[in-house]
Amino acid sequence: MASNLLKALIRSQILPSSRRNFSVATTQLGIPTDDLVGNHTAKWMQDRSKKSPMELINEVPPIKVDGRIAACEGDTNPALGHPIEFICLDLDEPAICKYCGLRYVQDHHH
């Protein structure tokens, strides 16, 4: 992919051809790695029967917190979580953890 872009730029005279010659990387079987990566990615994008991680996390309702600050670790088990993230809940809309996407909202008791 990137090598094809580079070749196209050289052919269009945007980049001079006197630059270093880049070769296409290949696997041990002689398959270009660009084709291998493209096919691998395409395989995973074709399966629409499973929900994406973003769709799954959006199904979780916002977590209500009593205070103004939420502490998100991603999971109760430290081995499955992420670094602790302190999230300010002063705004009206739910605040989102930058690591896991969980949403938090301040629980007003009125």
PDB file of N, CA and C in Angstrom:
ATOM      1  N   MET A   1       0.816  -1.184   0.000  1.00  0.00           N
ATOM      2  CA  MET A   1       0.000   0.000   0.000  1.00  0.00           C
ATOM      3  C   MET A   1       0.862   1.251   0.000  1.00  0.00           C
ATOM      4  N   ALA A   2       1.733   1.374   1.008  1.00  0.00           N
ATOM      5  CA  ALA A   2       2.572   2.561   1.095  1.00  0.00           C
ATOM      6  C   ALA A   2       3.568   2.602  -0.053  1.00  0.00           C
ATOM      7  N   SER A   3       4.085   1.433  -0.444  1.00  0.00           N
ATOM      8  CA  SER A   3       5.044   1.409  -1.540  1.00  0.00           C
ATOM      9  C   SER A   3       4.372   1.765  -2.859  1.00  0.00           C
ATOM     10  N   ASN A   4       3.104   1.370  -3.033  1.00  0.00           N
ATOM     11  CA  ASN A   4       2.377   1.740  -4.244  1.00  0.00           C
ATOM     12  C   ASN A   4       2.146   3.247  -4.297  1.00  0.00           C
ATOM     13  N   LEU A   5       1.855   3.855  -3.149  1.00  0.00           N
ATOM     14  CA  LEU A   5       1.681   5.297  -3.086  1.00  0.00           C
ATOM     15  C   LEU A   5       2.982   5.998  -3.436  1.00  0.00           C
ATOM     16  N   LEU A   6       4.085   5.498  -2.896  1.00  0.00           N
ATOM     17  CA  LEU A   6       5.388   6.092  -3.182  1.00  0.00           C
ATOM     18  C   LEU A   6       5.717   5.996  -4.666  1.00  0.00           C
ATOM     19  N   LYS A   7       5.462   4.843  -5.264  1.00  0.00           N
ATOM     20  CA  LYS A   7       5.721   4.676  -6.696  1.00  0.00           C
ATOM     21  C   LYS A   7       4.865   5.630  -7.521  1.00  0.00           C
ATOM     22  N   ALA A   8       3.608   5.808  -7.124  1.00  0.00           N
ATOM     23  CA  ALA A   8       2.723   6.721  -7.858  1.00  0.00           C
ATOM     24  C   ALA A   8       3.214   8.160  -7.747  1.00  0.00           C
ATOM     25  N   LEU A   9       3.697   8.539  -6.567  1.00  0.00           N
ATOM     26  CA  LEU A   9       4.216   9.895  -6.390  1.00  0.00           C
ATOM     27  C   LEU A   9       5.477  10.117  -7.222  1.00  0.00           C
ATOM     28  N   ILE A  10       6.340   9.110  -7.312  1.00  0.00           N
ATOM     29  CA  ILE A  10       7.559   9.236  -8.121  1.00  0.00           C
ATOM     30  C   ILE A  10       7.189   9.363  -9.596  1.00  0.00           C
ATOM     31  N   ARG A  11       6.211   8.545 -10.045  1.00  0.00           N
ATOM     32  CA  ARG A  11       5.784   8.612 -11.447  1.00  0.00           C
ATOM     33  C   ARG A  11       5.156   9.964 -11.788  1.00  0.00           C
ATOM     34  N   SER A  12       4.492  10.588 -10.806  1.00  0.00           N
ATOM     35  CA  SER A  12       3.816  11.858 -11.088  1.00  0.00           C
ATOM     36  C   SER A  12       4.752  13.058 -10.979  1.00  0.00           C
ATOM     37  N   GLN A  13       6.026  12.808 -10.785  1.00  0.00           N
ATOM     38  CA  GLN A  13       7.055  13.840 -10.724  1.00  0.00           C
ATOM     39  C   GLN A  13       6.973  14.686  -9.458  1.00  0.00           C
ATOM     40  N   ILE A  14       6.162  14.310  -8.479  1.00  0.00           N
ATOM     41  CA  ILE A  14       6.118  15.048  -7.219  1.00  0.00           C
ATOM     42  C   ILE A  14       7.385  14.774  -6.422  1.00  0.00           C
ATOM     43  N   LEU A  15       7.795  13.524  -6.386  1.00  0.00           N
ATOM     44  CA  LEU A  15       9.061  13.166  -5.748  1.00  0.00           C
ATOM     45  C   LEU A  15      10.067  12.802  -6.830  1.00  0.00           C
ATOM     46  N   PRO A  16      11.290  13.302  -6.735  1.00  0.00           N
ATOM     47  CA  PRO A  16      12.281  12.945  -7.745  1.00  0.00           C
ATOM     48  C   PRO A  16      12.663  11.471  -7.648  1.00  0.00           C
ATOM     49  N   SER A  17      12.915  10.875  -8.793  1.00  0.00           N
ATOM     50  CA  SER A  17      13.240   9.450  -8.828  1.00  0.00           C
ATOM     51  C   SER A  17      14.684   9.175  -8.420  1.00  0.00           C
ATOM     52  N   SER A  18      15.485  10.201  -8.181  1.00  0.00           N
ATOM     53  CA  SER A  18      16.867   9.989  -7.763  1.00  0.00           C
ATOM     54  C   SER A  18      16.955   9.650  -6.276  1.00  0.00           C
ATOM     55  N   ARG A  19      15.824   9.582  -5.649  1.00  0.00           N
ATOM     56  CA  ARG A  19      15.796   9.212  -4.229  1.00  0.00           C
ATOM     57  C   ARG A  19      16.116   7.736  -4.060  1.00  0.00           C
ATOM     58  N   ARG A  20      16.257   7.344  -2.814  1.00  0.00           N
ATOM     59  CA  ARG A  20      16.546   5.954  -2.486  1.00  0.00           C
ATOM     60  C   ARG A  20      15.489   5.031  -3.072  1.00  0.00           C
ATOM     61  N   ASN A  21      15.899   3.881  -3.576  1.00  0.00           N
ATOM     62  CA  ASN A  21      14.982   2.923  -4.181  1.00  0.00           C
ATOM     63  C   ASN A  21      14.364   2.059  -3.086  1.00  0.00           C
ATOM     64  N   PHE A  22      13.036   2.113  -2.931  1.00  0.00           N
ATOM     65  CA  PHE A  22      12.336   1.306  -1.949  1.00  0.00           C
ATOM     66  C   PHE A  22      11.839   0.039  -2.616  1.00  0.00           C
ATOM     67  N   SER A  23      12.012  -1.076  -1.935  1.00  0.00           N
ATOM     68  CA  SER A  23      11.518  -2.331  -2.484  1.00  0.00           C
ATOM     69  C   SER A  23      10.304  -2.783  -1.689  1.00  0.00           C
ATOM     70  N   VAL A  24       9.494  -3.611  -2.306  1.00  0.00           N
ATOM     71  CA  VAL A  24       8.303  -4.139  -1.664  1.00  0.00           C
ATOM     72  C   VAL A  24       8.729  -5.298  -0.776  1.00  0.00           C
ATOM     73  N   ALA A  25       8.341  -5.254   0.490  1.00  0.00           N
ATOM     74  CA  ALA A  25       8.673  -6.328   1.420  1.00  0.00           C
ATOM     75  C   ALA A  25       7.820  -7.547   1.105  1.00  0.00           C
ATOM     76  N   THR A  26       8.437  -8.713   1.213  1.00  0.00           N
ATOM     77  CA  THR A  26       7.713  -9.953   0.950  1.00  0.00           C
ATOM     78  C   THR A  26       7.937 -10.928   2.095  1.00  0.00           C
ATOM     79  N   THR A  27       7.038 -11.895   2.216  1.00  0.00           N
ATOM     80  CA  THR A  27       7.200 -12.961   3.201  1.00  0.00           C
ATOM     81  C   THR A  27       8.164 -13.994   2.647  1.00  0.00           C
ATOM     82  N   GLN A  28       8.443 -15.036   3.420  1.00  0.00           N
ATOM     83  CA  GLN A  28       9.350 -16.088   2.961  1.00  0.00           C
ATOM     84  C   GLN A  28       8.787 -16.829   1.752  1.00  0.00           C
ATOM     85  N   LEU A  29       7.471 -16.806   1.589  1.00  0.00           N
ATOM     86  CA  LEU A  29       6.855 -17.472   0.440  1.00  0.00           C
ATOM     87  C   LEU A  29       6.764 -16.568  -0.784  1.00  0.00           C
ATOM     88  N   GLY A  30       7.250 -15.331  -0.660  1.00  0.00           N
ATOM     89  CA  GLY A  30       7.235 -14.414  -1.788  1.00  0.00           C
ATOM     90  C   GLY A  30       5.940 -13.625  -1.918  1.00  0.00           C
ATOM     91  N   ILE A  31       5.066 -13.705  -0.916  1.00  0.00           N
ATOM     92  CA  ILE A  31       3.805 -12.939  -0.943  1.00  0.00           C
ATOM     93  C   ILE A  31       4.098 -11.533  -0.442  1.00  0.00           C
ATOM     94  N   PRO A  32       3.701 -10.492  -1.181  1.00  0.00           N
ATOM     95  CA  PRO A  32       3.921  -9.127  -0.680  1.00  0.00           C
ATOM     96  C   PRO A  32       3.196  -8.912   0.648  1.00  0.00           C
ATOM     97  N   THR A  33       3.889  -8.306   1.617  1.00  0.00           N
ATOM     98  CA  THR A  33       3.288  -8.120   2.939  1.00  0.00           C
ATOM     99  C   THR A  33       2.086  -7.188   2.874  1.00  0.00           C
ATOM    100  N   ASP A  34       2.068  -6.236   1.945  1.00  0.00           N
ATOM    101  CA  ASP A  34       0.905  -5.354   1.803  1.00  0.00           C
ATOM    102  C   ASP A  34      -0.341  -6.162   1.489  1.00  0.00           C
ATOM    103  N   ASP A  35      -0.219  -7.172   0.601  1.00  0.00           N
ATOM    104  CA  ASP A  35      -1.362  -8.022   0.269  1.00  0.00           C
ATOM    105  C   ASP A  35      -1.791  -8.843   1.471  1.00  0.00           C
ATOM    106  N   LEU A  36      -0.820  -9.345   2.223  1.00  0.00           N
ATOM    107  CA  LEU A  36      -1.106 -10.177   3.384  1.00  0.00           C
ATOM    108  C   LEU A  36      -1.860  -9.381   4.446  1.00  0.00           C
ATOM    109  N   VAL A  37      -1.405  -8.176   4.748  1.00  0.00           N
ATOM    110  CA  VAL A  37      -2.065  -7.336   5.740  1.00  0.00           C
ATOM    111  C   VAL A  37      -3.442  -6.925   5.245  1.00  0.00           C
ATOM    112  N   GLY A  38      -3.574  -6.543   4.001  1.00  0.00           N
ATOM    113  CA  GLY A  38      -4.868  -6.144   3.448  1.00  0.00           C
ATOM    114  C   GLY A  38      -5.884  -7.270   3.499  1.00  0.00           C
ATOM    115  N   ASN A  39      -5.465  -8.488   3.162  1.00  0.00           N
ATOM    116  CA  ASN A  39      -6.380  -9.627   3.214  1.00  0.00           C
ATOM    117  C   ASN A  39      -6.766  -9.967   4.647  1.00  0.00           C
ATOM    118  N   HIS A  40      -5.827  -9.865   5.566  1.00  0.00           N
ATOM    119  CA  HIS A  40      -6.104 -10.157   6.968  1.00  0.00           C
ATOM    120  C   HIS A  40      -7.142  -9.173   7.522  1.00  0.00           C
ATOM    121  N   THR A  41      -6.944  -7.894   7.256  1.00  0.00           N
ATOM    122  CA  THR A  41      -7.870  -6.881   7.744  1.00  0.00           C
ATOM    123  C   THR A  41      -9.239  -7.042   7.097  1.00  0.00           C
ATOM    124  N   ALA A  42      -9.276  -7.308   5.812  1.00  0.00           N
ATOM    125  CA  ALA A  42     -10.549  -7.471   5.109  1.00  0.00           C
ATOM    126  C   ALA A  42     -11.343  -8.645   5.668  1.00  0.00           C
ATOM    127  N   LYS A  43     -10.638  -9.700   6.059  1.00  0.00           N
ATOM    128  CA  LYS A  43     -11.306 -10.879   6.614  1.00  0.00           C
ATOM    129  C   LYS A  43     -12.080 -10.511   7.878  1.00  0.00           C
ATOM    130  N   TRP A  44     -11.491  -9.705   8.741  1.00  0.00           N
ATOM    131  CA  TRP A  44     -12.147  -9.352   9.991  1.00  0.00           C
ATOM    132  C   TRP A  44     -13.234  -8.314   9.791  1.00  0.00           C
ATOM    133  N   MET A  45     -13.158  -7.513   8.768  1.00  0.00           N
ATOM    134  CA  MET A  45     -14.165  -6.476   8.544  1.00  0.00           C
ATOM    135  C   MET A  45     -15.395  -7.031   7.838  1.00  0.00           C
ATOM    136  N   GLN A  46     -15.314  -8.214   7.243  1.00  0.00           N
ATOM    137  CA  GLN A  46     -16.448  -8.791   6.534  1.00  0.00           C
ATOM    138  C   GLN A  46     -17.473  -9.394   7.475  1.00  0.00           C
ATOM    139  N   ASP A  47     -17.061  -9.853   8.651  1.00  0.00           N
ATOM    140  CA  ASP A  47     -17.961 -10.527   9.577  1.00  0.00           C
ATOM    141  C   ASP A  47     -18.822  -9.492  10.295  1.00  0.00           C
ATOM    142  N   ARG A  48     -20.060  -9.335   9.850  1.00  0.00           N
ATOM    143  CA  ARG A  48     -20.983  -8.374  10.453  1.00  0.00           C
ATOM    144  C   ARG A  48     -21.907  -9.035  11.472  1.00  0.00           C
ATOM    145  N   SER A  49     -21.743 -10.355  11.723  1.00  0.00           N
ATOM    146  CA  SER A  49     -22.621 -11.042  12.656  1.00  0.00           C
ATOM    147  C   SER A  49     -22.289 -10.686  14.107  1.00  0.00           C
ATOM    148  N   LYS A  50     -21.059 -10.294  14.373  1.00  0.00           N
ATOM    149  CA  LYS A  50     -20.650  -9.919  15.727  1.00  0.00           C
ATOM    150  C   LYS A  50     -20.636  -8.404  15.854  1.00  0.00           C
ATOM    151  N   LYS A  51     -20.930  -7.917  17.048  1.00  0.00           N
ATOM    152  CA  LYS A  51     -20.907  -6.475  17.298  1.00  0.00           C
ATOM    153  C   LYS A  51     -19.476  -6.012  17.524  1.00  0.00           C
ATOM    154  N   SER A  52     -19.208  -4.787  17.140  1.00  0.00           N
ATOM    155  CA  SER A  52     -17.885  -4.217  17.360  1.00  0.00           C
ATOM    156  C   SER A  52     -17.731  -3.884  18.846  1.00  0.00           C
ATOM    157  N   PRO A  53     -16.504  -3.703  19.326  1.00  0.00           N
ATOM    158  CA  PRO A  53     -16.315  -3.324  20.729  1.00  0.00           C
ATOM    159  C   PRO A  53     -17.034  -2.030  21.089  1.00  0.00           C
ATOM    160  N   MET A  54     -17.070  -1.075  20.177  1.00  0.00           N
ATOM    161  CA  MET A  54     -17.764   0.189  20.459  1.00  0.00           C
ATOM    162  C   MET A  54     -19.266  -0.028  20.605  1.00  0.00           C
ATOM    163  N   GLU A  55     -19.845  -0.894  19.793  1.00  0.00           N
ATOM    164  CA  GLU A  55     -21.270  -1.185  19.910  1.00  0.00           C
ATOM    165  C   GLU A  55     -21.568  -1.877  21.233  1.00  0.00           C
ATOM    166  N   LEU A  56     -20.695  -2.787  21.651  1.00  0.00           N
ATOM    167  CA  LEU A  56     -20.896  -3.489  22.919  1.00  0.00           C
ATOM    168  C   LEU A  56     -20.800  -2.545  24.112  1.00  0.00           C
ATOM    169  N   ILE A  57     -19.831  -1.646  24.125  1.00  0.00           N
ATOM    170  CA  ILE A  57     -19.655  -0.744  25.261  1.00  0.00           C
ATOM    171  C   ILE A  57     -20.776   0.290  25.313  1.00  0.00           C
ATOM    172  N   ASN A  58     -21.340   0.660  24.148  1.00  0.00           N
ATOM    173  CA  ASN A  58     -22.455   1.617  24.139  1.00  0.00           C
ATOM    174  C   ASN A  58     -23.736   1.015  24.684  1.00  0.00           C
ATOM    175  N   GLU A  59     -23.833  -0.307  24.746  1.00  0.00           N
ATOM    176  CA  GLU A  59     -25.011  -0.956  25.319  1.00  0.00           C
ATOM    177  C   GLU A  59     -25.016  -0.905  26.846  1.00  0.00           C
ATOM    178  N   VAL A  60     -23.849  -0.655  27.457  1.00  0.00           N
ATOM    179  CA  VAL A  60     -23.765  -0.557  28.913  1.00  0.00           C
ATOM    180  C   VAL A  60     -24.319   0.805  29.322  1.00  0.00           C
ATOM    181  N   PRO A  61     -25.322   0.843  30.216  1.00  0.00           N
ATOM    182  CA  PRO A  61     -25.876   2.139  30.630  1.00  0.00           C
ATOM    183  C   PRO A  61     -24.846   2.930  31.442  1.00  0.00           C
ATOM    184  N   PRO A  62     -24.959   4.262  31.460  1.00  0.00           N
ATOM    185  CA  PRO A  62     -24.025   5.074  32.251  1.00  0.00           C
ATOM    186  C   PRO A  62     -24.073   4.674  33.725  1.00  0.00           C
ATOM    187  N   ILE A  63     -22.923   4.655  34.350  1.00  0.00           N
ATOM    188  CA  ILE A  63     -22.796   4.272  35.750  1.00  0.00           C
ATOM    189  C   ILE A  63     -23.004   5.508  36.611  1.00  0.00           C
ATOM    190  N   LYS A  64     -23.917   5.429  37.584  1.00  0.00           N
ATOM    191  CA  LYS A  64     -24.210   6.566  38.461  1.00  0.00           C
ATOM    192  C   LYS A  64     -23.218   6.581  39.618  1.00  0.00           C
ATOM    193  N   VAL A  65     -22.668   7.777  39.884  1.00  0.00           N
ATOM    194  CA  VAL A  65     -21.665   7.966  40.928  1.00  0.00           C
ATOM    195  C   VAL A  65     -22.167   9.043  41.867  1.00  0.00           C
ATOM    196  N   ASP A  66     -22.011   8.835  43.191  1.00  0.00           N
ATOM    197  CA  ASP A  66     -22.497   9.803  44.182  1.00  0.00           C
ATOM    198  C   ASP A  66     -21.684  11.095  44.188  1.00  0.00           C
ATOM    199  N   GLY A  67     -20.383  11.024  44.050  1.00  0.00           N
ATOM    200  CA  GLY A  67     -19.537  12.210  44.140  1.00  0.00           C
ATOM    201  C   GLY A  67     -19.339  12.906  42.799  1.00  0.00           C
ATOM    202  N   ARG A  68     -18.399  13.863  42.798  1.00  0.00           N
ATOM    203  CA  ARG A  68     -18.093  14.617  41.574  1.00  0.00           C
ATOM    204  C   ARG A  68     -17.002  13.962  40.749  1.00  0.00           C
ATOM    205  N   ILE A  69     -16.290  12.982  41.318  1.00  0.00           N
ATOM    206  CA  ILE A  69     -15.179  12.327  40.635  1.00  0.00           C
ATOM    207  C   ILE A  69     -15.442  10.821  40.583  1.00  0.00           C
ATOM    208  N   ALA A  70     -15.281  10.232  39.404  1.00  0.00           N
ATOM    209  CA  ALA A  70     -15.377   8.778  39.239  1.00  0.00           C
ATOM    210  C   ALA A  70     -13.973   8.235  39.033  1.00  0.00           C
ATOM    211  N   ALA A  71     -13.695   7.084  39.615  1.00  0.00           N
ATOM    212  CA  ALA A  71     -12.408   6.415  39.432  1.00  0.00           C
ATOM    213  C   ALA A  71     -12.668   5.138  38.642  1.00  0.00           C
ATOM    214  N   CYS A  72     -12.176   5.080  37.414  1.00  0.00           N
ATOM    215  CA  CYS A  72     -12.404   3.927  36.548  1.00  0.00           C
ATOM    216  C   CYS A  72     -11.125   3.115  36.422  1.00  0.00           C
ATOM    217  N   GLU A  73     -11.250   1.806  36.649  1.00  0.00           N
ATOM    218  CA  GLU A  73     -10.129   0.891  36.460  1.00  0.00           C
ATOM    219  C   GLU A  73     -10.442  -0.151  35.404  1.00  0.00           C
ATOM    220  N   GLY A  74     -11.613  -0.070  34.778  1.00  0.00           N
ATOM    221  CA  GLY A  74     -11.976  -0.975  33.704  1.00  0.00           C
ATOM    222  C   GLY A  74     -12.585  -2.277  34.160  1.00  0.00           C
ATOM    223  N   ASP A  75     -12.122  -2.809  35.295  1.00  0.00           N
ATOM    224  CA  ASP A  75     -12.637  -4.076  35.800  1.00  0.00           C
ATOM    225  C   ASP A  75     -12.284  -4.171  37.278  1.00  0.00           C
ATOM    226  N   THR A  76     -13.013  -5.008  38.012  1.00  0.00           N
ATOM    227  CA  THR A  76     -12.696  -5.197  39.429  1.00  0.00           C
ATOM    228  C   THR A  76     -11.412  -6.006  39.599  1.00  0.00           C
ATOM    229  N   ASN A  77     -11.061  -6.825  38.633  1.00  0.00           N
ATOM    230  CA  ASN A  77      -9.823  -7.595  38.651  1.00  0.00           C
ATOM    231  C   ASN A  77      -8.715  -6.747  38.028  1.00  0.00           C
ATOM    232  N   PRO A  78      -7.664  -6.383  38.794  1.00  0.00           N
ATOM    233  CA  PRO A  78      -6.599  -5.537  38.247  1.00  0.00           C
ATOM    234  C   PRO A  78      -5.905  -6.115  37.014  1.00  0.00           C
ATOM    235  N   ALA A  79      -5.886  -7.437  36.890  1.00  0.00           N
ATOM    236  CA  ALA A  79      -5.229  -8.054  35.737  1.00  0.00           C
ATOM    237  C   ALA A  79      -6.014  -7.827  34.450  1.00  0.00           C
ATOM    238  N   LEU A  80      -7.301  -7.550  34.560  1.00  0.00           N
ATOM    239  CA  LEU A  80      -8.137  -7.361  33.372  1.00  0.00           C
ATOM    240  C   LEU A  80      -8.456  -5.900  33.099  1.00  0.00           C
ATOM    241  N   GLY A  81      -8.052  -5.015  33.971  1.00  0.00           N
ATOM    242  CA  GLY A  81      -8.417  -3.608  33.846  1.00  0.00           C
ATOM    243  C   GLY A  81      -7.384  -2.785  33.103  1.00  0.00           C
ATOM    244  N   HIS A  82      -7.362  -1.502  33.441  1.00  0.00           N
ATOM    245  CA  HIS A  82      -6.429  -0.543  32.833  1.00  0.00           C
ATOM    246  C   HIS A  82      -5.941   0.394  33.932  1.00  0.00           C
ATOM    247  N   PRO A  83      -4.985   1.287  33.647  1.00  0.00           N
ATOM    248  CA  PRO A  83      -4.539   2.241  34.669  1.00  0.00           C
ATOM    249  C   PRO A  83      -5.724   3.058  35.183  1.00  0.00           C
ATOM    250  N   ILE A  84      -5.674   3.414  36.454  1.00  0.00           N
ATOM    251  CA  ILE A  84      -6.791   4.147  37.047  1.00  0.00           C
ATOM    252  C   ILE A  84      -6.951   5.512  36.368  1.00  0.00           C
ATOM    253  N   GLU A  85      -8.187   5.838  36.075  1.00  0.00           N
ATOM    254  CA  GLU A  85      -8.519   7.093  35.406  1.00  0.00           C
ATOM    255  C   GLU A  85      -9.530   7.820  36.290  1.00  0.00           C
ATOM    256  N   PHE A  86      -9.172   9.035  36.735  1.00  0.00           N
ATOM    257  CA  PHE A  86     -10.090   9.844  37.520  1.00  0.00           C
ATOM    258  C   PHE A  86     -10.846  10.750  36.564  1.00  0.00           C
ATOM    259  N   ILE A  87     -12.178  10.700  36.632  1.00  0.00           N
ATOM    260  CA  ILE A  87     -13.019  11.392  35.669  1.00  0.00           C
ATOM    261  C   ILE A  87     -13.891  12.403  36.401  1.00  0.00           C
ATOM    262  N   CYS A  88     -13.840  13.660  35.983  1.00  0.00           N
ATOM    263  CA  CYS A  88     -14.647  14.724  36.570  1.00  0.00           C
ATOM    264  C   CYS A  88     -16.065  14.659  36.002  1.00  0.00           C
ATOM    265  N   LEU A  89     -17.072  14.732  36.877  1.00  0.00           N
ATOM    266  CA  LEU A  89     -18.466  14.585  36.452  1.00  0.00           C
ATOM    267  C   LEU A  89     -19.252  15.881  36.603  1.00  0.00           C
ATOM    268  N   ASP A  90     -18.613  17.036  36.439  1.00  0.00           N
ATOM    269  CA  ASP A  90     -19.301  18.316  36.613  1.00  0.00           C
ATOM    270  C   ASP A  90     -20.274  18.634  35.482  1.00  0.00           C
ATOM    271  N   LEU A  91     -20.086  18.063  34.324  1.00  0.00           N
ATOM    272  CA  LEU A  91     -20.976  18.346  33.201  1.00  0.00           C
ATOM    273  C   LEU A  91     -22.251  17.515  33.295  1.00  0.00           C
ATOM    274  N   ASP A  92     -23.296  17.940  32.585  1.00  0.00           N
ATOM    275  CA  ASP A  92     -24.574  17.228  32.621  1.00  0.00           C
ATOM    276  C   ASP A  92     -24.541  15.921  31.828  1.00  0.00           C
ATOM    277  N   GLU A  93     -23.819  15.902  30.708  1.00  0.00           N
ATOM    278  CA  GLU A  93     -23.764  14.681  29.900  1.00  0.00           C
ATOM    279  C   GLU A  93     -22.776  13.688  30.514  1.00  0.00           C
ATOM    280  N   PRO A  94     -22.941  12.404  30.224  1.00  0.00           N
ATOM    281  CA  PRO A  94     -22.033  11.394  30.790  1.00  0.00           C
ATOM    282  C   PRO A  94     -20.584  11.624  30.357  1.00  0.00           C
ATOM    283  N   ALA A  95     -19.666  11.403  31.306  1.00  0.00           N
ATOM    284  CA  ALA A  95     -18.232  11.479  31.022  1.00  0.00           C
ATOM    285  C   ALA A  95     -17.753  10.081  30.640  1.00  0.00           C
ATOM    286  N   ILE A  96     -16.816  10.010  29.702  1.00  0.00           N
ATOM    287  CA  ILE A  96     -16.377   8.733  29.141  1.00  0.00           C
ATOM    288  C   ILE A  96     -14.931   8.459  29.535  1.00  0.00           C
ATOM    289  N   CYS A  97     -14.664   7.226  29.966  1.00  0.00           N
ATOM    290  CA  CYS A  97     -13.305   6.803  30.269  1.00  0.00           C
ATOM    291  C   CYS A  97     -12.528   6.665  28.965  1.00  0.00           C
ATOM    292  N   LYS A  98     -11.341   7.244  28.919  1.00  0.00           N
ATOM    293  CA  LYS A  98     -10.562   7.212  27.679  1.00  0.00           C
ATOM    294  C   LYS A  98      -9.958   5.845  27.391  1.00  0.00           C
ATOM    295  N   TYR A  99      -9.885   4.968  28.382  1.00  0.00           N
ATOM    296  CA  TYR A  99      -9.312   3.642  28.172  1.00  0.00           C
ATOM    297  C   TYR A  99     -10.353   2.617  27.713  1.00  0.00           C
ATOM    298  N   CYS A 100     -11.469   2.536  28.437  1.00  0.00           N
ATOM    299  CA  CYS A 100     -12.413   1.446  28.173  1.00  0.00           C
ATOM    300  C   CYS A 100     -13.742   1.911  27.585  1.00  0.00           C
ATOM    301  N   GLY A 101     -14.030   3.205  27.628  1.00  0.00           N
ATOM    302  CA  GLY A 101     -15.259   3.710  27.033  1.00  0.00           C
ATOM    303  C   GLY A 101     -16.466   3.671  27.956  1.00  0.00           C
ATOM    304  N   LEU A 102     -16.303   3.207  29.205  1.00  0.00           N
ATOM    305  CA  LEU A 102     -17.435   3.228  30.130  1.00  0.00           C
ATOM    306  C   LEU A 102     -17.855   4.668  30.386  1.00  0.00           C
ATOM    307  N   ARG A 103     -19.161   4.866  30.554  1.00  0.00           N
ATOM    308  CA  ARG A 103     -19.699   6.211  30.763  1.00  0.00           C
ATOM    309  C   ARG A 103     -20.122   6.364  32.216  1.00  0.00           C
ATOM    310  N   TYR A 104     -19.854   7.533  32.782  1.00  0.00           N
ATOM    311  CA  TYR A 104     -20.189   7.838  34.165  1.00  0.00           C
ATOM    312  C   TYR A 104     -21.002   9.124  34.205  1.00  0.00           C
ATOM    313  N   VAL A 105     -21.971   9.160  35.151  1.00  0.00           N
ATOM    314  CA  VAL A 105     -22.791  10.346  35.336  1.00  0.00           C
ATOM    315  C   VAL A 105     -22.977  10.561  36.842  1.00  0.00           C
ATOM    316  N   GLN A 106     -23.028  11.823  37.245  1.00  0.00           N
ATOM    317  CA  GLN A 106     -23.220  12.139  38.659  1.00  0.00           C
ATOM    318  C   GLN A 106     -24.669  11.888  39.041  1.00  0.00           C
ATOM    319  N   ASP A 107     -24.884  11.165  40.153  1.00  0.00           N
ATOM    320  CA  ASP A 107     -26.225  10.838  40.631  1.00  0.00           C
ATOM    321  C   ASP A 107     -26.692  11.937  41.558  1.00  0.00           C
ATOM    322  N   HIS A 108     -27.587  12.791  41.045  1.00  0.00           N
ATOM    323  CA  HIS A 108     -28.145  13.880  41.865  1.00  0.00           C
ATOM    324  C   HIS A 108     -29.332  13.335  42.633  1.00  0.00           C
ATOM    325  N   HIS A 109     -29.341  13.527  43.937  1.00  0.00           N
ATOM    326  CA  HIS A 109     -30.392  12.951  44.780  1.00  0.00           C
ATOM    327  C   HIS A 109     -31.526  13.932  45.016  1.00  0.00           C
ATOM    328  N   HIS A 110     -31.947  14.717  44.025  1.00  0.00           N
ATOM    329  CA  HIS A 110     -33.097  15.584  44.223  1.00  0.00           C
ATOM    330  C   HIS A 110     -34.217  15.164  43.325  1.00  0.00           C
TER     331      HIS A 110
END
